[in-house]
Amino acid sequence: MTEKILNISVNGALGNMGRYVMDAVSESKDMKLCFGVDKKSEKISINNTEISIYDSLDLKNNDIDVLVDFTNAESTMSILKDCGEHKTDILIGSTGFSDQQIEEMKKTADYFGITIFLVPNFSIGANLLIKMVKEIAKYYEYADLTEMHHENKIDSPSGTAISILNSVIESKTNSKFKQNIPKIESLPNSRGGSKEGINVHSRRMPGYVAHHEIVFGSIGETLTLRHDSIDRKSFMLGVLRALRKINTLKGFVYGLDNVI
């Protein structure tokens, strides 16, 4: 039996991640890249095939199975209803959503009966890290999290850092982590952000792609876990896996760990 070809389109097609996604989809035998959406509308050639890039999303005249979104929170929220009305599932790689916006995603997915798959990080390694810290955190009283990204990232901390943070916190069902609170702080906020006793630090500068490090501490020892994405191509395995598995999901789903 021949597998169904997934018809895919990309919102934010000409951005850094959008171009990588279009290349990856076009090279996959079980997928078809139908069109892209970007403010800089043009026709481009990918793998010797001409692909139309529209300046706005038109699902009425373009039947697709999944829309991959790599834009920003505001742009993503503006297309939810259109996707819902046309029964188009959405794979979202954009970050920086508020709790209110996530609630709106949940309601939209339920109301229209579509899948909205929000993935803050498509790296297989980063998602394995999220899984591992939940078990490790049970054995430690101190934890400190640092995330490092390129200078153009608009949100902090990163969505992946928040996922790591929440995973660690979930393991501490009966207590919080211990934390150093300085009596003297000559430079305000030098200990970074804080949640449930865990300090969180965000670094932004050229040279980084996406890096996450968590350090657990106890008397006489520390345990450090770190994941480094050094090339955006590393995210494509996760994107393709999410696309191939999205039809097994239902409603609003958060995190790539649901399909690995």
Protein backbone atom coordinates (compact mmCIF):
# COMPACT_ATOMS: atom_id res chain seq x y z
CA MET A 1 0.00 0.00 0.00
CA THR A 2 1.37 3.42 -0.97
CA GLU A 3 1.63 5.85 1.94
CA LYS A 4 -0.34 9.06 1.66
CA ILE A 5 1.76 12.02 0.59
CA LEU A 6 1.57 14.86 3.11
CA ASN A 7 0.87 18.23 1.52
CA ILE A 8 2.91 20.80 3.46
CA SER A 9 3.21 24.58 3.40
CA VAL A 10 5.47 26.87 5.40
CA ASN A 11 4.52 30.17 7.03
CA GLY A 12 7.62 32.32 7.44
CA ALA A 13 9.07 30.57 4.43
CA LEU A 14 11.95 32.94 3.76
CA GLY A 15 13.19 33.15 7.34
CA ASN A 16 16.21 31.22 8.59
CA MET A 17 14.18 28.23 9.80
CA GLY A 18 11.59 28.45 7.04
CA ARG A 19 14.15 27.90 4.31
CA TYR A 20 15.57 24.87 6.09
CA VAL A 21 12.07 23.41 6.51
CA MET A 22 11.23 23.88 2.84
CA ASP A 23 14.47 22.17 1.82
CA ALA A 24 13.84 19.25 4.20
CA VAL A 25 10.23 18.77 3.09
CA SER A 26 11.10 18.97 -0.60
CA GLU A 27 13.74 16.24 -0.13
CA SER A 28 11.28 13.88 1.63
CA LYS A 29 9.62 11.29 -0.58
CA ASP A 30 6.51 11.11 1.60
CA MET A 31 5.86 14.87 1.53
CA LYS A 32 5.05 17.55 -1.01
CA LEU A 33 6.00 21.20 -0.54
CA CYS A 34 2.97 23.07 -1.90
CA PHE A 35 3.77 26.76 -1.28
CA GLY A 36 5.26 29.18 1.19
CA VAL A 37 3.99 32.31 2.94
CA ASP A 38 6.17 35.31 3.66
CA LYS A 39 5.88 39.08 3.52
CA LYS A 40 8.59 39.05 0.86
CA SER A 41 6.50 37.19 -1.68
CA GLU A 42 8.36 35.74 -4.66
CA LYS A 43 8.89 32.52 -6.54
CA ILE A 44 11.97 30.53 -5.59
CA SER A 45 13.52 27.30 -6.84
CA ILE A 46 14.04 24.43 -4.41
CA ASN A 47 15.54 21.19 -5.70
CA ASN A 48 14.92 22.39 -9.26
CA THR A 49 11.21 22.95 -8.56
CA GLU A 50 9.63 26.39 -8.62
CA ILE A 51 7.76 27.17 -5.39
CA SER A 52 5.35 30.08 -5.01
CA ILE A 53 5.75 32.29 -1.95
CA TYR A 54 2.61 34.30 -1.18
CA ASP A 55 2.47 37.42 0.98
CA SER A 56 -0.54 36.11 2.93
CA LEU A 57 -2.06 32.75 3.80
CA ASP A 58 -4.78 31.51 1.44
CA LEU A 59 -6.17 28.13 2.49
CA LYS A 60 -9.43 28.56 0.60
CA ASN A 61 -7.69 28.03 -2.74
CA ASN A 62 -4.84 25.81 -1.52
CA ASP A 63 -5.65 22.44 0.05
CA ILE A 64 -2.89 21.29 2.41
CA ASP A 65 -2.61 18.82 5.30
CA VAL A 66 -0.24 20.67 7.61
CA LEU A 67 0.96 24.25 7.87
CA VAL A 68 4.41 24.64 9.44
CA ASP A 69 4.70 28.00 11.20
CA PHE A 70 8.03 29.67 11.94
CA THR A 71 7.09 33.32 12.39
CA ASN A 72 6.31 35.02 15.71
CA ALA A 73 3.58 34.85 18.33
CA GLU A 74 1.47 37.64 16.85
CA SER A 75 1.59 36.24 13.33
CA THR A 76 0.85 32.72 14.52
CA MET A 77 -2.21 33.75 16.49
CA SER A 78 -3.61 35.59 13.48
CA ILE A 79 -3.82 32.41 11.36
CA LEU A 80 -5.34 29.99 13.90
CA LYS A 81 -8.96 30.58 12.94
CA ASP A 82 -8.25 30.28 9.22
CA CYS A 83 -6.49 26.95 9.78
CA GLY A 84 -9.35 25.77 11.94
CA GLU A 85 -12.02 26.68 9.40
CA HIS A 86 -10.15 24.78 6.68
CA LYS A 87 -9.33 21.77 8.89
CA THR A 88 -5.61 22.31 8.51
CA ASP A 89 -3.33 21.01 11.26
CA ILE A 90 -0.57 23.36 12.44
CA LEU A 91 2.99 22.57 13.49
CA ILE A 92 4.31 25.63 15.34
CA GLY A 93 8.00 26.36 15.86
CA SER A 94 7.48 29.99 16.85
CA THR A 95 8.03 30.89 20.52
CA GLY A 96 7.22 33.66 22.98
CA PHE A 97 3.55 32.81 23.56
CA SER A 98 1.76 34.03 26.68
CA ASP A 99 -0.35 31.71 28.84
CA GLN A 100 -3.42 33.44 27.45
CA GLN A 101 -2.35 32.75 23.87
CA ILE A 102 -1.71 29.09 24.65
CA GLU A 103 -5.20 28.85 26.13
CA GLU A 104 -6.56 30.31 22.90
CA MET A 105 -4.68 27.62 20.94
CA LYS A 106 -6.28 24.93 23.08
CA LYS A 107 -9.76 26.35 22.53
CA THR A 108 -9.20 26.69 18.77
CA ALA A 109 -7.96 23.11 18.44
CA ASP A 110 -10.94 21.76 20.38
CA TYR A 111 -13.54 23.94 18.66
CA PHE A 112 -12.45 23.14 15.09
CA GLY A 113 -11.23 19.59 15.73
CA ILE A 114 -7.70 20.19 14.43
CA THR A 115 -4.27 19.45 15.88
CA ILE A 116 -2.14 22.37 16.99
CA PHE A 117 1.32 21.01 17.77
CA LEU A 118 3.48 23.60 19.54
CA VAL A 119 7.16 22.63 19.67
CA PRO A 120 9.60 25.05 21.34
CA ASN A 121 12.62 23.01 20.23
CA PHE A 122 12.84 20.46 17.41
CA SER A 123 16.22 19.11 18.48
CA ILE A 124 16.08 15.43 19.44
CA GLY A 125 18.89 15.96 21.96
CA ALA A 126 17.25 18.93 23.66
CA ASN A 127 14.03 16.97 24.09
CA LEU A 128 15.93 14.01 25.53
CA LEU A 129 17.45 16.48 28.00
CA ILE A 130 13.95 17.60 29.02
CA LYS A 131 13.08 13.96 29.70
CA MET A 132 16.25 13.19 31.66
CA VAL A 133 16.17 16.13 34.06
CA LYS A 134 12.84 15.04 35.48
CA GLU A 135 14.44 11.91 36.93
CA ILE A 136 17.77 13.48 37.91
CA ALA A 137 16.23 16.44 39.74
CA LYS A 138 14.79 14.14 42.42
CA TYR A 139 18.24 13.62 43.88
CA TYR A 140 19.39 17.24 44.21
CA GLU A 141 18.52 20.29 46.30
CA TYR A 142 20.06 23.00 44.09
CA ALA A 143 19.62 23.69 40.38
CA ASP A 144 20.73 26.48 38.06
CA LEU A 145 19.71 26.85 34.39
CA THR A 146 21.43 28.84 31.65
CA GLU A 147 20.31 29.20 28.03
CA MET A 148 22.35 30.84 25.29
CA HIS A 149 21.05 32.04 21.91
CA HIS A 150 21.89 34.34 19.03
CA GLU A 151 21.55 38.11 19.45
CA ASN A 152 18.31 38.35 17.44
CA LYS A 153 16.16 36.09 19.62
CA ILE A 154 13.23 38.19 20.82
CA ASP A 155 12.10 36.24 23.89
CA SER A 156 13.79 35.17 27.11
CA PRO A 157 14.08 32.71 28.58
CA SER A 158 13.76 30.42 25.60
CA GLY A 159 10.78 28.11 25.20
CA THR A 160 13.12 25.15 25.65
CA ALA A 161 14.49 26.59 28.89
CA ILE A 162 10.92 26.93 30.17
CA SER A 163 10.26 23.29 29.24
CA ILE A 164 13.40 22.17 31.07
CA LEU A 165 12.44 24.32 34.04
CA ASN A 166 8.92 22.89 34.22
CA SER A 167 10.23 19.35 33.87
CA VAL A 168 12.60 19.87 36.80
CA ILE A 169 9.89 21.46 38.94
CA GLU A 170 7.46 18.60 38.27
CA SER A 171 9.88 16.18 39.90
CA LYS A 172 9.85 18.14 43.18
CA THR A 173 6.35 17.26 44.30
CA ASN A 174 6.84 17.91 48.01
CA SER A 175 9.50 20.63 48.19
CA LYS A 176 11.22 23.49 46.36
CA PHE A 177 14.87 23.72 45.48
CA LYS A 178 17.13 25.50 47.92
CA GLN A 179 18.51 28.80 46.69
CA ASN A 180 21.15 31.35 47.54
CA ILE A 181 19.54 34.74 48.19
CA PRO A 182 22.25 37.43 48.39
CA LYS A 183 22.05 39.82 51.32
CA ILE A 184 24.07 42.33 49.31
CA GLU A 185 23.39 42.79 45.60
CA SER A 186 25.68 45.50 44.24
CA LEU A 187 24.44 44.79 40.71
CA PRO A 188 20.64 44.28 40.60
CA ASN A 189 19.37 41.00 39.12
CA SER A 190 22.84 39.48 38.91
CA ARG A 191 21.37 36.15 40.09
CA GLY A 192 19.06 36.09 37.07
CA GLY A 193 15.41 35.13 36.99
CA SER A 194 13.96 32.69 39.51
CA LYS A 195 11.19 30.11 39.72
CA GLU A 196 10.60 27.58 42.50
CA GLY A 197 14.15 28.06 43.78
CA ILE A 198 15.84 27.66 40.38
CA ASN A 199 17.85 30.55 38.96
CA VAL A 200 17.53 31.06 35.21
CA HIS A 201 19.99 33.01 33.05
CA SER A 202 19.65 34.09 29.40
CA ARG A 203 22.66 34.96 27.26
CA ARG A 204 22.30 36.70 23.89
CA MET A 205 25.18 37.29 21.47
CA PRO A 206 26.54 36.42 18.02
CA GLY A 207 28.11 32.99 17.66
CA TYR A 208 25.33 31.03 19.34
CA VAL A 209 22.49 29.04 17.78
CA ALA A 210 20.71 27.34 20.72
CA HIS A 211 22.38 26.04 23.88
CA HIS A 212 20.95 24.88 27.21
CA GLU A 213 22.81 23.93 30.36
CA ILE A 214 21.47 22.87 33.73
CA VAL A 215 23.67 22.31 36.77
CA PHE A 216 22.47 20.32 39.78
CA GLY A 217 24.33 20.74 43.05
CA SER A 218 24.69 18.85 46.30
CA ILE A 219 27.29 18.66 49.07
CA GLY A 220 30.67 18.03 47.49
CA GLU A 221 29.50 17.60 43.87
CA THR A 222 27.74 19.08 40.86
CA LEU A 223 26.14 17.38 37.88
CA THR A 224 26.08 19.32 34.60
CA LEU A 225 23.93 18.46 31.58
CA ARG A 226 24.28 20.55 28.43
CA HIS A 227 22.91 20.39 24.92
CA ASP A 228 24.30 22.41 22.01
CA SER A 229 22.64 23.02 18.66
CA ILE A 230 25.44 24.28 16.45
CA ASP A 231 23.57 24.21 13.14
CA ARG A 232 19.88 24.82 12.42
CA LYS A 233 19.90 21.74 10.21
CA SER A 234 19.90 19.73 13.46
CA PHE A 235 16.27 20.74 13.97
CA MET A 236 15.07 19.20 10.71
CA LEU A 237 14.98 15.59 11.97
CA GLY A 238 12.56 16.74 14.64
CA VAL A 239 10.47 18.76 12.19
CA LEU A 240 10.08 15.80 9.84
CA ARG A 241 9.30 13.45 12.73
CA ALA A 242 6.64 15.85 14.01
CA LEU A 243 5.07 16.11 10.55
CA ARG A 244 4.95 12.34 10.14
CA LYS A 245 3.39 11.85 13.58
CA ILE A 246 1.00 14.81 13.74
CA ASN A 247 -1.93 12.71 12.48
CA THR A 248 -1.57 10.51 15.59
CA LEU A 249 -2.12 13.51 17.86
CA LYS A 250 -5.34 15.27 18.78
CA GLY A 251 -6.14 18.77 19.95
CA PHE A 252 -3.44 21.02 21.39
CA VAL A 253 -0.12 19.24 22.02
CA TYR A 254 3.01 20.79 23.53
CA GLY A 255 6.52 19.49 23.00
CA LEU A 256 8.36 17.12 20.68
CA ASP A 257 8.69 14.60 23.51
CA ASN A 258 5.14 13.49 22.61
CA VAL A 259 6.45 11.83 19.46
CA ILE A 260 9.88 10.53 20.54
